[in-house]
Amino acid sequence: MLTLEKGFTLVELMVTLVIGMILITVGVPSFTEMYQGYRAESEIRKVQQYLMFARSQAVSYGARVTVCPISGTSCGSDWKSGFSIFIDNGAAATIDSTNGVTDPIIKQVDAFNSKDFFTYAGSSVSFTPDGLIPTNSTVGTFSYCPGSTTSENSRGVEVSSSGKVRFSDSIINCTSY
């Protein structure tokens, strides 16, 4: 008596594996682009939230609050390595002591992904006690580009002289300033 075995033949398994490998080979690059887009969106939203936080702290404390990448005791230029938010009581854009009290750091933001680019035209952004940007402070766009300086997934946050922080609708390019 012959019994019918249920299962797959070796040829059927090989064809299935080949089709699966072709689909993976075609699909992985699109997942990379999608991942870069999500990462850029997530990071630029964090930047927007930190800037809005700094503005609200300036109003709450009734003092100038500065956002900048710290290099020693003054603001540097490498935004990609992270930045600090601090109450700026003394000289502008400098962590210094006034009457024996050092400018308190409110928040420290970690470095961004080493493969990405994060730029801003100025070395700092300050908010006055009324939430505005001082006339001597740089206004412009924070640019975040995942993977390359001209990525299609680039995102930006604009800071206006009125202190308003919003997402940028313009084409973002992360070439250094």
Foldseek 3Di string as FASTA:
>chain_A
DDDDDDDDDPVVVVVVVVVVVVCCVVPVVVVVLVVQLVLQVVVQVVVLVVLVVLLVVLQVVQAKKKKAQDDPFFFDFQPQQWIWIWGDPDPPRGQDDDPNRTIDTPDTGGGHDPQKFWGDQDRMFMAGNVQFTDPVGDWFKIKIGHRAQQHPSIWIWGQDRRNDIGTDPDRGGRDYD
